[in-house]
Amino acid sequence: MTASPEAHAEGHRAATTQRSQAKELRRLALLSAAAGLFADNGFSRVSLEDLGAAAGVSGPAVYRHFPGKQAVLGELLLSVSRDLLDGGRRVAAEAGSPEDALKALVAFQVDFALSNPDVIRVQDRDFTSLSEADQAEVRSLQRSYVETWVDVLARIHAGADVAGLRVRAHAAFGLINSTPHSVRHHGRKIAVKSARPILEQMALAALTSA
């Protein structure tokens, strides 16, 4: 007994969905591997073969997902910048007051920094290895993220100079993004559970000071 056309079509759609999901998982595995390799070795010292091996595929197989190594770097930093902007806007919009919005933004940024130290290192060191178009888009996304913070800060510091509020935001980013992986205790990184409240308290103190 042969399958009906409807059953055949449904089976084809299911197979297509599975292939798409498997491809997306391999793409995400490549991005995760890239973050670690670029952070440890620098963009210029990592080959496509290195990326493929770290993600469990051959070097040439990387081309099924990205046109080249620079495109991997671009997608890594662009995807993170988009996630930061979308997440920052969401937590600020969901807060009931400017003070709660600022606390939510700080907690959001601290969580990002503690969860993505490799990406932060790559951004700091290898940003100029992006294509010009990707550099421009990352900068645009990050400026919008900063303005999300500035909008909240302006409601707390009524009448304050906007340029000064941007300085506050950038200073908070510097504190939050650098401390989790630069401060060590007896040669070991500070535990996340210890670092989180310290970072949140220091950032909020700096952002809310008169």
N, C-alpha and C. Protein backbone atom coordinates (compact mmCIF):
# COMPACT_ATOMS: atom_id res chain seq x y z
N MET A 1 0.86 -1.19 0.00
CA MET A 1 0.00 0.00 0.00
C MET A 1 0.89 1.24 0.00
N THR A 2 0.71 2.09 -0.99
CA THR A 2 1.54 3.29 -1.11
C THR A 2 0.97 4.42 -0.27
N ALA A 3 1.88 5.31 0.15
CA ALA A 3 1.45 6.46 0.96
C ALA A 3 0.68 7.44 0.09
N SER A 4 -0.24 8.13 0.72
CA SER A 4 -1.01 9.15 0.00
C SER A 4 -0.12 10.33 -0.33
N PRO A 5 -0.51 11.14 -1.31
CA PRO A 5 0.28 12.36 -1.62
C PRO A 5 0.44 13.26 -0.42
N GLU A 6 -0.62 13.34 0.42
CA GLU A 6 -0.54 14.20 1.61
C GLU A 6 0.50 13.68 2.58
N ALA A 7 0.52 12.35 2.78
CA ALA A 7 1.50 11.76 3.70
C ALA A 7 2.91 11.93 3.17
N HIS A 8 3.06 11.78 1.85
CA HIS A 8 4.38 11.97 1.24
C HIS A 8 4.87 13.40 1.42
N ALA A 9 3.97 14.35 1.22
CA ALA A 9 4.34 15.76 1.37
C ALA A 9 4.70 16.07 2.82
N GLU A 10 3.94 15.49 3.76
CA GLU A 10 4.22 15.72 5.18
C GLU A 10 5.58 15.14 5.55
N GLY A 11 5.88 13.96 5.01
CA GLY A 11 7.19 13.36 5.28
C GLY A 11 8.32 14.18 4.72
N HIS A 12 8.11 14.76 3.54
CA HIS A 12 9.13 15.62 2.92
C HIS A 12 9.35 16.86 3.75
N ARG A 13 8.26 17.46 4.25
CA ARG A 13 8.40 18.66 5.09
C ARG A 13 9.14 18.35 6.38
N ALA A 14 8.84 17.19 6.97
CA ALA A 14 9.52 16.80 8.21
C ALA A 14 11.00 16.60 7.98
N ALA A 15 11.35 15.95 6.87
CA ALA A 15 12.76 15.72 6.55
C ALA A 15 13.48 17.04 6.30
N THR A 16 12.80 17.94 5.59
CA THR A 16 13.38 19.26 5.33
C THR A 16 13.62 20.03 6.62
N THR A 17 12.63 19.95 7.54
CA THR A 17 12.77 20.62 8.83
C THR A 17 13.94 20.06 9.62
N GLN A 18 14.09 18.75 9.62
CA GLN A 18 15.20 18.12 10.34
C GLN A 18 16.54 18.54 9.77
N ARG A 19 16.61 18.60 8.44
CA ARG A 19 17.87 19.03 7.81
C ARG A 19 18.18 20.47 8.15
N SER A 20 17.15 21.31 8.15
CA SER A 20 17.35 22.72 8.49
C SER A 20 17.81 22.88 9.93
N GLN A 21 17.21 22.10 10.83
CA GLN A 21 17.59 22.17 12.23
C GLN A 21 19.02 21.69 12.43
N ALA A 22 19.39 20.63 11.74
CA ALA A 22 20.75 20.11 11.85
C ALA A 22 21.76 21.11 11.31
N LYS A 23 21.41 21.78 10.21
CA LYS A 23 22.31 22.80 9.65
C LYS A 23 22.47 23.96 10.59
N GLU A 24 21.38 24.38 11.23
CA GLU A 24 21.46 25.50 12.17
C GLU A 24 22.29 25.14 13.40
N LEU A 25 22.16 23.91 13.86
CA LEU A 25 22.97 23.46 15.00
C LEU A 25 24.45 23.46 14.66
N ARG A 26 24.79 23.04 13.43
CA ARG A 26 26.21 23.04 13.01
C ARG A 26 26.71 24.48 12.89
N ARG A 27 25.86 25.38 12.39
CA ARG A 27 26.26 26.78 12.28
C ARG A 27 26.53 27.38 13.66
N LEU A 28 25.65 27.08 14.61
CA LEU A 28 25.84 27.58 15.97
C LEU A 28 27.08 26.97 16.62
N ALA A 29 27.35 25.70 16.32
CA ALA A 29 28.55 25.05 16.85
C ALA A 29 29.80 25.72 16.30
N LEU A 30 29.77 26.11 15.04
CA LEU A 30 30.91 26.81 14.44
C LEU A 30 31.12 28.16 15.10
N LEU A 31 30.05 28.89 15.37
CA LEU A 31 30.17 30.19 16.02
C LEU A 31 30.71 30.05 17.44
N SER A 32 30.24 29.05 18.15
CA SER A 32 30.73 28.81 19.51
C SER A 32 32.21 28.45 19.49
N ALA A 33 32.60 27.59 18.55
CA ALA A 33 34.01 27.21 18.43
C ALA A 33 34.85 28.41 18.05
N ALA A 34 34.33 29.25 17.17
CA ALA A 34 35.06 30.44 16.73
C ALA A 34 35.32 31.38 17.89
N ALA A 35 34.32 31.57 18.75
CA ALA A 35 34.50 32.47 19.89
C ALA A 35 35.67 32.03 20.75
N GLY A 36 35.74 30.74 21.05
CA GLY A 36 36.82 30.23 21.88
C GLY A 36 38.18 30.30 21.20
N LEU A 37 38.22 29.90 19.93
CA LEU A 37 39.49 29.90 19.20
C LEU A 37 40.02 31.30 18.95
N PHE A 38 39.13 32.21 18.53
CA PHE A 38 39.57 33.59 18.28
C PHE A 38 40.02 34.24 19.58
N ALA A 39 39.32 33.96 20.69
CA ALA A 39 39.70 34.55 21.97
C ALA A 39 41.06 34.04 22.43
N ASP A 40 41.31 32.76 22.25
CA ASP A 40 42.56 32.17 22.74
C ASP A 40 43.75 32.47 21.84
N ASN A 41 43.52 32.52 20.52
CA ASN A 41 44.64 32.59 19.58
C ASN A 41 44.69 33.85 18.74
N GLY A 42 43.59 34.59 18.66
CA GLY A 42 43.51 35.72 17.76
C GLY A 42 42.99 35.30 16.40
N PHE A 43 42.20 36.17 15.80
CA PHE A 43 41.55 35.86 14.52
C PHE A 43 42.55 35.42 13.45
N SER A 44 43.66 36.13 13.33
CA SER A 44 44.61 35.87 12.25
C SER A 44 45.30 34.53 12.36
N ARG A 45 45.34 33.94 13.55
CA ARG A 45 46.06 32.69 13.76
C ARG A 45 45.16 31.47 13.73
N VAL A 46 43.89 31.67 13.44
CA VAL A 46 42.94 30.56 13.38
C VAL A 46 42.58 30.29 11.92
N SER A 47 42.66 29.03 11.51
CA SER A 47 42.33 28.66 10.13
C SER A 47 40.94 28.07 10.07
N LEU A 48 40.42 27.95 8.84
CA LEU A 48 39.13 27.29 8.66
C LEU A 48 39.19 25.84 9.12
N GLU A 49 40.34 25.21 8.92
CA GLU A 49 40.50 23.83 9.38
C GLU A 49 40.40 23.75 10.89
N ASP A 50 40.97 24.75 11.58
CA ASP A 50 40.86 24.81 13.04
C ASP A 50 39.40 24.93 13.47
N LEU A 51 38.68 25.82 12.79
CA LEU A 51 37.27 26.02 13.11
C LEU A 51 36.47 24.74 12.90
N GLY A 52 36.69 24.12 11.75
CA GLY A 52 35.96 22.90 11.45
C GLY A 52 36.25 21.81 12.45
N ALA A 53 37.52 21.62 12.78
CA ALA A 53 37.90 20.58 13.73
C ALA A 53 37.26 20.81 15.10
N ALA A 54 37.24 22.07 15.53
CA ALA A 54 36.66 22.38 16.85
C ALA A 54 35.16 22.15 16.87
N ALA A 55 34.51 22.30 15.70
CA ALA A 55 33.06 22.12 15.62
C ALA A 55 32.68 20.72 15.15
N GLY A 56 33.68 19.87 14.89
CA GLY A 56 33.39 18.51 14.49
C GLY A 56 33.06 18.31 13.03
N VAL A 57 33.52 19.24 12.18
CA VAL A 57 33.32 19.10 10.73
C VAL A 57 34.66 19.34 10.04
N SER A 58 34.73 19.04 8.76
CA SER A 58 35.95 19.28 8.01
C SER A 58 36.09 20.77 7.69
N GLY A 59 37.32 21.20 7.41
CA GLY A 59 37.54 22.60 7.04
C GLY A 59 36.68 23.05 5.88
N PRO A 60 36.67 22.30 4.76
CA PRO A 60 35.84 22.70 3.61
C PRO A 60 34.34 22.76 3.94
N ALA A 61 33.90 21.96 4.93
CA ALA A 61 32.48 21.96 5.27
C ALA A 61 32.04 23.28 5.87
N VAL A 62 33.00 24.06 6.37
CA VAL A 62 32.65 25.37 6.91
C VAL A 62 32.01 26.24 5.84
N TYR A 63 32.42 26.05 4.58
CA TYR A 63 31.89 26.86 3.49
C TYR A 63 30.41 26.60 3.22
N ARG A 64 29.87 25.53 3.76
CA ARG A 64 28.43 25.29 3.62
C ARG A 64 27.63 26.25 4.48
N HIS A 65 28.28 26.86 5.44
CA HIS A 65 27.60 27.74 6.37
C HIS A 65 28.06 29.19 6.28
N PHE A 66 29.32 29.41 5.92
CA PHE A 66 29.89 30.75 5.84
C PHE A 66 30.81 30.83 4.62
N PRO A 67 30.83 31.98 3.93
CA PRO A 67 31.70 32.11 2.76
C PRO A 67 33.18 32.19 3.09
N GLY A 68 33.53 32.38 4.34
CA GLY A 68 34.93 32.46 4.72
C GLY A 68 35.09 32.78 6.19
N LYS A 69 36.34 32.82 6.66
CA LYS A 69 36.62 33.05 8.08
C LYS A 69 36.14 34.42 8.53
N GLN A 70 36.31 35.43 7.68
CA GLN A 70 35.88 36.77 8.05
C GLN A 70 34.37 36.82 8.26
N ALA A 71 33.64 36.06 7.48
CA ALA A 71 32.19 36.01 7.63
C ALA A 71 31.79 35.36 8.95
N VAL A 72 32.58 34.40 9.42
CA VAL A 72 32.33 33.78 10.72
C VAL A 72 32.49 34.83 11.82
N LEU A 73 33.57 35.60 11.75
CA LEU A 73 33.79 36.67 12.72
C LEU A 73 32.66 37.69 12.67
N GLY A 74 32.24 38.05 11.46
CA GLY A 74 31.17 39.01 11.30
C GLY A 74 29.88 38.53 11.94
N GLU A 75 29.50 37.30 11.67
CA GLU A 75 28.26 36.77 12.23
C GLU A 75 28.35 36.66 13.74
N LEU A 76 29.52 36.30 14.25
CA LEU A 76 29.70 36.18 15.70
C LEU A 76 29.42 37.52 16.38
N LEU A 77 30.05 38.58 15.91
CA LEU A 77 29.91 39.88 16.57
C LEU A 77 28.57 40.56 16.24
N LEU A 78 28.07 40.34 15.04
CA LEU A 78 26.77 40.93 14.70
C LEU A 78 25.64 40.27 15.49
N SER A 79 25.67 38.96 15.61
CA SER A 79 24.60 38.28 16.34
C SER A 79 24.58 38.68 17.80
N VAL A 80 25.77 38.83 18.39
CA VAL A 80 25.84 39.26 19.78
C VAL A 80 25.33 40.70 19.93
N SER A 81 25.71 41.56 19.00
CA SER A 81 25.26 42.96 19.06
C SER A 81 23.75 43.06 18.92
N ARG A 82 23.17 42.25 18.04
CA ARG A 82 21.71 42.25 17.89
C ARG A 82 21.03 41.75 19.16
N ASP A 83 21.59 40.67 19.74
CA ASP A 83 20.99 40.12 20.96
C ASP A 83 21.05 41.12 22.11
N LEU A 84 22.17 41.83 22.22
CA LEU A 84 22.29 42.84 23.27
C LEU A 84 21.24 43.94 23.09
N LEU A 85 21.11 44.44 21.88
CA LEU A 85 20.16 45.52 21.63
C LEU A 85 18.73 45.06 21.90
N ASP A 86 18.36 43.90 21.36
CA ASP A 86 17.00 43.41 21.55
C ASP A 86 16.72 43.13 23.03
N GLY A 87 17.69 42.51 23.70
CA GLY A 87 17.50 42.19 25.11
C GLY A 87 17.45 43.44 25.98
N GLY A 88 18.33 44.40 25.69
CA GLY A 88 18.33 45.64 26.46
C GLY A 88 17.03 46.39 26.31
N ARG A 89 16.53 46.49 25.11
CA ARG A 89 15.26 47.18 24.89
C ARG A 89 14.12 46.46 25.62
N ARG A 90 14.17 45.15 25.60
CA ARG A 90 13.09 44.38 26.23
C ARG A 90 13.07 44.58 27.74
N VAL A 91 14.22 44.43 28.40
CA VAL A 91 14.23 44.54 29.86
C VAL A 91 13.91 45.96 30.31
N ALA A 92 14.33 46.96 29.53
CA ALA A 92 14.02 48.34 29.88
C ALA A 92 12.52 48.61 29.74
N ALA A 93 11.91 48.07 28.69
CA ALA A 93 10.49 48.29 28.45
C ALA A 93 9.62 47.59 29.48
N GLU A 94 10.09 46.46 30.00
CA GLU A 94 9.29 45.68 30.94
C GLU A 94 9.36 46.23 32.37
N ALA A 95 10.31 47.11 32.66
CA ALA A 95 10.48 47.63 34.01
C ALA A 95 9.40 48.64 34.36
N GLY A 96 9.06 48.71 35.63
CA GLY A 96 7.99 49.60 36.05
C GLY A 96 8.41 51.02 36.33
N SER A 97 9.71 51.26 36.51
CA SER A 97 10.20 52.60 36.82
C SER A 97 11.59 52.76 36.22
N PRO A 98 12.09 54.00 36.07
CA PRO A 98 13.45 54.18 35.56
C PRO A 98 14.50 53.48 36.41
N GLU A 99 14.33 53.51 37.72
CA GLU A 99 15.27 52.84 38.61
C GLU A 99 15.28 51.33 38.39
N ASP A 100 14.09 50.76 38.24
CA ASP A 100 14.00 49.33 37.97
C ASP A 100 14.57 49.00 36.60
N ALA A 101 14.36 49.90 35.63
CA ALA A 101 14.90 49.68 34.29
C ALA A 101 16.42 49.67 34.32
N LEU A 102 17.01 50.58 35.09
CA LEU A 102 18.47 50.62 35.18
C LEU A 102 19.00 49.36 35.85
N LYS A 103 18.35 48.94 36.92
CA LYS A 103 18.78 47.70 37.59
C LYS A 103 18.68 46.51 36.63
N ALA A 104 17.63 46.48 35.84
CA ALA A 104 17.44 45.38 34.89
C ALA A 104 18.51 45.41 33.80
N LEU A 105 18.84 46.61 33.32
CA LEU A 105 19.89 46.73 32.31
C LEU A 105 21.24 46.30 32.86
N VAL A 106 21.56 46.71 34.08
CA VAL A 106 22.83 46.32 34.69
C VAL A 106 22.88 44.81 34.86
N ALA A 107 21.82 44.21 35.38
CA ALA A 107 21.79 42.75 35.55
C ALA A 107 21.92 42.04 34.21
N PHE A 108 21.27 42.59 33.19
CA PHE A 108 21.35 42.01 31.84
C PHE A 108 22.78 42.05 31.31
N GLN A 109 23.45 43.19 31.47
CA GLN A 109 24.82 43.33 30.98
C GLN A 109 25.79 42.46 31.77
N VAL A 110 25.61 42.38 33.07
CA VAL A 110 26.46 41.53 33.89
C VAL A 110 26.30 40.07 33.49
N ASP A 111 25.07 39.66 33.27
CA ASP A 111 24.83 38.28 32.84
C ASP A 111 25.52 38.01 31.50
N PHE A 112 25.44 38.97 30.59
CA PHE A 112 26.10 38.81 29.31
C PHE A 112 27.61 38.69 29.48
N ALA A 113 28.19 39.57 30.30
CA ALA A 113 29.65 39.58 30.47
C ALA A 113 30.15 38.29 31.10
N LEU A 114 29.43 37.80 32.09
CA LEU A 114 29.85 36.58 32.77
C LEU A 114 29.64 35.34 31.91
N SER A 115 28.71 35.42 30.98
CA SER A 115 28.40 34.27 30.12
C SER A 115 29.20 34.27 28.83
N ASN A 116 29.74 35.43 28.43
CA ASN A 116 30.38 35.54 27.12
C ASN A 116 31.76 36.21 27.17
N PRO A 117 32.64 35.79 28.06
CA PRO A 117 33.95 36.44 28.13
C PRO A 117 34.75 36.30 26.84
N ASP A 118 34.60 35.16 26.15
CA ASP A 118 35.35 34.97 24.90
C ASP A 118 34.93 35.98 23.85
N VAL A 119 33.63 36.21 23.73
CA VAL A 119 33.13 37.15 22.73
C VAL A 119 33.62 38.56 23.02
N ILE A 120 33.66 38.92 24.29
CA ILE A 120 34.15 40.25 24.66
C ILE A 120 35.62 40.41 24.27
N ARG A 121 36.42 39.38 24.51
CA ARG A 121 37.83 39.44 24.13
C ARG A 121 37.99 39.56 22.61
N VAL A 122 37.17 38.83 21.88
CA VAL A 122 37.23 38.90 20.41
C VAL A 122 36.85 40.30 19.94
N GLN A 123 35.79 40.86 20.49
CA GLN A 123 35.35 42.21 20.13
C GLN A 123 36.47 43.22 20.38
N ASP A 124 37.11 43.13 21.54
CA ASP A 124 38.15 44.08 21.90
C ASP A 124 39.37 43.98 20.99
N ARG A 125 39.75 42.76 20.62
CA ARG A 125 41.00 42.56 19.91
C ARG A 125 40.85 42.49 18.40
N ASP A 126 39.76 41.90 17.93
CA ASP A 126 39.67 41.58 16.50
C ASP A 126 38.60 42.35 15.75
N PHE A 127 38.06 43.39 16.36
CA PHE A 127 37.02 44.17 15.69
C PHE A 127 37.49 44.68 14.33
N THR A 128 38.73 45.14 14.23
CA THR A 128 39.22 45.70 12.98
C THR A 128 39.42 44.66 11.89
N SER A 129 39.32 43.37 12.25
CA SER A 129 39.42 42.32 11.24
C SER A 129 38.09 42.08 10.53
N LEU A 130 37.02 42.73 11.01
CA LEU A 130 35.73 42.65 10.32
C LEU A 130 35.80 43.38 8.99
N SER A 131 34.91 43.04 8.08
CA SER A 131 34.77 43.82 6.86
C SER A 131 34.27 45.21 7.23
N GLU A 132 34.47 46.18 6.35
CA GLU A 132 34.02 47.55 6.64
C GLU A 132 32.51 47.61 6.86
N ALA A 133 31.78 46.83 6.07
CA ALA A 133 30.32 46.83 6.21
C ALA A 133 29.90 46.27 7.56
N ASP A 134 30.54 45.19 8.00
CA ASP A 134 30.20 44.61 9.30
C ASP A 134 30.63 45.52 10.44
N GLN A 135 31.77 46.19 10.30
CA GLN A 135 32.18 47.15 11.32
C GLN A 135 31.12 48.24 11.48
N ALA A 136 30.63 48.75 10.36
CA ALA A 136 29.63 49.81 10.41
C ALA A 136 28.35 49.33 11.06
N GLU A 137 27.93 48.10 10.75
CA GLU A 137 26.68 47.60 11.31
C GLU A 137 26.83 47.31 12.80
N VAL A 138 27.96 46.75 13.21
CA VAL A 138 28.18 46.49 14.64
C VAL A 138 28.18 47.81 15.40
N ARG A 139 28.87 48.81 14.87
CA ARG A 139 28.90 50.12 15.54
C ARG A 139 27.49 50.71 15.67
N SER A 140 26.69 50.58 14.61
CA SER A 140 25.33 51.10 14.64
C SER A 140 24.48 50.40 15.70
N LEU A 141 24.59 49.08 15.77
CA LEU A 141 23.84 48.32 16.77
C LEU A 141 24.28 48.70 18.18
N GLN A 142 25.58 48.85 18.36
CA GLN A 142 26.09 49.17 19.69
C GLN A 142 25.74 50.59 20.10
N ARG A 143 25.72 51.52 19.15
CA ARG A 143 25.27 52.88 19.47
C ARG A 143 23.81 52.86 19.93
N SER A 144 23.00 52.08 19.26
CA SER A 144 21.59 51.99 19.65
C SER A 144 21.45 51.38 21.04
N TYR A 145 22.31 50.43 21.36
CA TYR A 145 22.28 49.82 22.69
C TYR A 145 22.66 50.86 23.75
N VAL A 146 23.68 51.64 23.47
CA VAL A 146 24.09 52.70 24.40
C VAL A 146 22.93 53.67 24.61
N GLU A 147 22.24 54.04 23.53
CA GLU A 147 21.15 55.00 23.65
C GLU A 147 19.99 54.44 24.49
N THR A 148 19.82 53.12 24.49
CA THR A 148 18.81 52.51 25.36
C THR A 148 19.14 52.82 26.82
N TRP A 149 20.41 52.72 27.17
CA TRP A 149 20.85 53.05 28.53
C TRP A 149 20.71 54.56 28.78
N VAL A 150 21.09 55.36 27.82
CA VAL A 150 21.04 56.81 27.98
C VAL A 150 19.60 57.27 28.21
N ASP A 151 18.66 56.68 27.49
CA ASP A 151 17.25 57.04 27.68
C ASP A 151 16.80 56.80 29.11
N VAL A 152 17.24 55.67 29.68
CA VAL A 152 16.88 55.36 31.06
C VAL A 152 17.59 56.30 32.02
N LEU A 153 18.88 56.53 31.80
CA LEU A 153 19.64 57.42 32.67
C LEU A 153 19.08 58.84 32.66
N ALA A 154 18.59 59.28 31.52
CA ALA A 154 18.05 60.64 31.41
C ALA A 154 16.80 60.81 32.26
N ARG A 155 16.09 59.73 32.52
CA ARG A 155 14.90 59.80 33.37
C ARG A 155 15.27 59.77 34.84
N ILE A 156 16.48 59.35 35.15
CA ILE A 156 16.95 59.34 36.53
C ILE A 156 17.68 60.64 36.86
N HIS A 157 18.52 61.07 35.91
CA HIS A 157 19.29 62.31 36.08
C HIS A 157 18.64 63.41 35.24
N ALA A 158 17.54 63.93 35.72
CA ALA A 158 16.78 64.93 34.97
C ALA A 158 17.65 66.16 34.68
N GLY A 159 17.65 66.57 33.43
CA GLY A 159 18.39 67.76 33.03
C GLY A 159 19.87 67.54 32.80
N ALA A 160 20.34 66.32 32.96
CA ALA A 160 21.77 66.04 32.78
C ALA A 160 22.15 66.12 31.32
N ASP A 161 23.41 66.45 31.06
CA ASP A 161 23.93 66.50 29.70
C ASP A 161 23.96 65.10 29.10
N VAL A 162 23.43 64.95 27.90
CA VAL A 162 23.36 63.64 27.28
C VAL A 162 24.75 63.05 27.05
N ALA A 163 25.69 63.89 26.65
CA ALA A 163 27.05 63.39 26.43
C ALA A 163 27.61 62.80 27.72
N GLY A 164 27.33 63.44 28.85
CA GLY A 164 27.78 62.91 30.13
C GLY A 164 27.13 61.59 30.48
N LEU A 165 25.87 61.44 30.11
CA LEU A 165 25.18 60.17 30.36
C LEU A 165 25.78 59.05 29.51
N ARG A 166 26.21 59.38 28.30
CA ARG A 166 26.87 58.37 27.48
C ARG A 166 28.20 57.94 28.10
N VAL A 167 28.91 58.90 28.69
CA VAL A 167 30.15 58.58 29.38
C VAL A 167 29.87 57.61 30.53
N ARG A 168 28.81 57.89 31.28
CA ARG A 168 28.44 56.97 32.37
C ARG A 168 28.19 55.56 31.84
N ALA A 169 27.41 55.47 30.76
CA ALA A 169 27.08 54.16 30.21
C ALA A 169 28.33 53.42 29.76
N HIS A 170 29.21 54.10 29.02
CA HIS A 170 30.43 53.45 28.54
C HIS A 170 31.33 53.05 29.70
N ALA A 171 31.39 53.88 30.73
CA ALA A 171 32.21 53.53 31.90
C ALA A 171 31.67 52.28 32.58
N ALA A 172 30.35 52.16 32.66
CA ALA A 172 29.74 50.97 33.25
C ALA A 172 30.04 49.73 32.42
N PHE A 173 29.97 49.87 31.11
CA PHE A 173 30.31 48.73 30.24
C PHE A 173 31.75 48.29 30.48
N GLY A 174 32.66 49.27 30.58
CA GLY A 174 34.06 48.93 30.79
C GLY A 174 34.26 48.19 32.09
N LEU A 175 33.61 48.65 33.14
CA LEU A 175 33.72 47.98 34.44
C LEU A 175 33.16 46.56 34.35
N ILE A 176 31.97 46.44 33.83
CA ILE A 176 31.30 45.14 33.80
C ILE A 176 32.02 44.16 32.87
N ASN A 177 32.41 44.62 31.69
CA ASN A 177 32.97 43.71 30.69
C ASN A 177 34.38 43.25 30.99
N SER A 178 35.15 44.05 31.73
CA SER A 178 36.55 43.68 31.95
C SER A 178 36.77 42.88 33.23
N THR A 179 36.02 43.16 34.26
CA THR A 179 36.30 42.58 35.57
C THR A 179 36.15 41.06 35.64
N PRO A 180 35.12 40.45 35.06
CA PRO A 180 34.93 39.00 35.26
C PRO A 180 36.12 38.16 34.82
N HIS A 181 36.88 38.59 33.80
CA HIS A 181 37.97 37.74 33.33
C HIS A 181 39.34 38.36 33.55
N SER A 182 39.42 39.48 34.25
CA SER A 182 40.73 40.06 34.51
C SER A 182 41.11 40.00 35.99
N VAL A 183 40.12 40.02 36.87
CA VAL A 183 40.40 39.96 38.30
C VAL A 183 40.52 38.50 38.73
N ARG A 184 41.60 38.17 39.39
CA ARG A 184 41.83 36.80 39.83
C ARG A 184 42.17 36.77 41.31
N HIS A 185 41.92 35.63 41.90
CA HIS A 185 42.22 35.45 43.32
C HIS A 185 43.08 34.20 43.45
N HIS A 186 44.32 34.37 43.87
CA HIS A 186 45.27 33.26 43.98
C HIS A 186 45.37 32.48 42.67
N GLY A 187 45.41 33.23 41.57
CA GLY A 187 45.60 32.61 40.27
C GLY A 187 44.36 32.04 39.65
N ARG A 188 43.22 32.15 40.31
CA ARG A 188 41.99 31.60 39.77
C ARG A 188 40.98 32.71 39.52
N LYS A 189 40.13 32.52 38.52
CA LYS A 189 39.09 33.50 38.25
C LYS A 189 38.08 33.52 39.39
N ILE A 190 37.57 34.71 39.67
CA ILE A 190 36.53 34.83 40.68
C ILE A 190 35.29 34.07 40.20
N ALA A 191 34.65 33.35 41.11
CA ALA A 191 33.45 32.60 40.77
C ALA A 191 32.34 33.54 40.34
N VAL A 192 31.52 33.08 39.43
CA VAL A 192 30.43 33.90 38.91
C VAL A 192 29.52 34.38 40.05
N LYS A 193 29.20 33.49 40.99
CA LYS A 193 28.29 33.86 42.08
C LYS A 193 28.89 34.96 42.96
N SER A 194 30.22 35.04 43.00
CA SER A 194 30.86 36.10 43.77
C SER A 194 30.98 37.38 42.96
N ALA A 195 31.25 37.24 41.68
CA ALA A 195 31.47 38.41 40.83
C ALA A 195 30.18 39.16 40.54
N ARG A 196 29.07 38.45 40.37
CA ARG A 196 27.83 39.09 39.94
C ARG A 196 27.38 40.22 40.88
N PRO A 197 27.22 39.98 42.18
CA PRO A 197 26.74 41.09 43.03
C PRO A 197 27.73 42.24 43.12
N ILE A 198 29.02 41.94 43.07
CA ILE A 198 30.03 43.01 43.11
C ILE A 198 29.88 43.91 41.88
N LEU A 199 29.78 43.30 40.72
CA LEU A 199 29.67 44.06 39.48
C LEU A 199 28.38 44.87 39.45
N GLU A 200 27.28 44.26 39.86
CA GLU A 200 26.00 44.97 39.83
C GLU A 200 26.01 46.16 40.78
N GLN A 201 26.53 45.97 41.98
CA GLN A 201 26.55 47.05 42.97
C GLN A 201 27.45 48.19 42.53
N MET A 202 28.64 47.86 42.00
CA MET A 202 29.58 48.91 41.57
C MET A 202 29.04 49.67 40.38
N ALA A 203 28.45 48.95 39.43
CA ALA A 203 27.91 49.62 38.24
C ALA A 203 26.75 50.55 38.62
N LEU A 204 25.87 50.07 39.46
CA LEU A 204 24.73 50.91 39.86
C LEU A 204 25.20 52.13 40.65
N ALA A 205 26.21 51.95 41.49
CA ALA A 205 26.72 53.09 42.24
C ALA A 205 27.29 54.15 41.31
N ALA A 206 28.02 53.71 40.29
CA ALA A 206 28.60 54.67 39.35
C ALA A 206 27.53 55.34 38.50
N LEU A 207 26.53 54.60 38.11
CA LEU A 207 25.51 55.13 37.22
C LEU A 207 24.54 56.06 37.92
N THR A 208 24.37 55.90 39.23
CA THR A 208 23.37 56.70 39.94
C THR A 208 24.00 57.80 40.79
N SER A 209 25.32 57.87 40.82
CA SER A 209 25.96 58.91 41.64
C SER A 209 25.59 60.29 41.12
N ALA A 210 25.54 61.27 42.01
CA ALA A 210 25.16 62.62 41.63
C ALA A 210 26.24 63.23 40.72
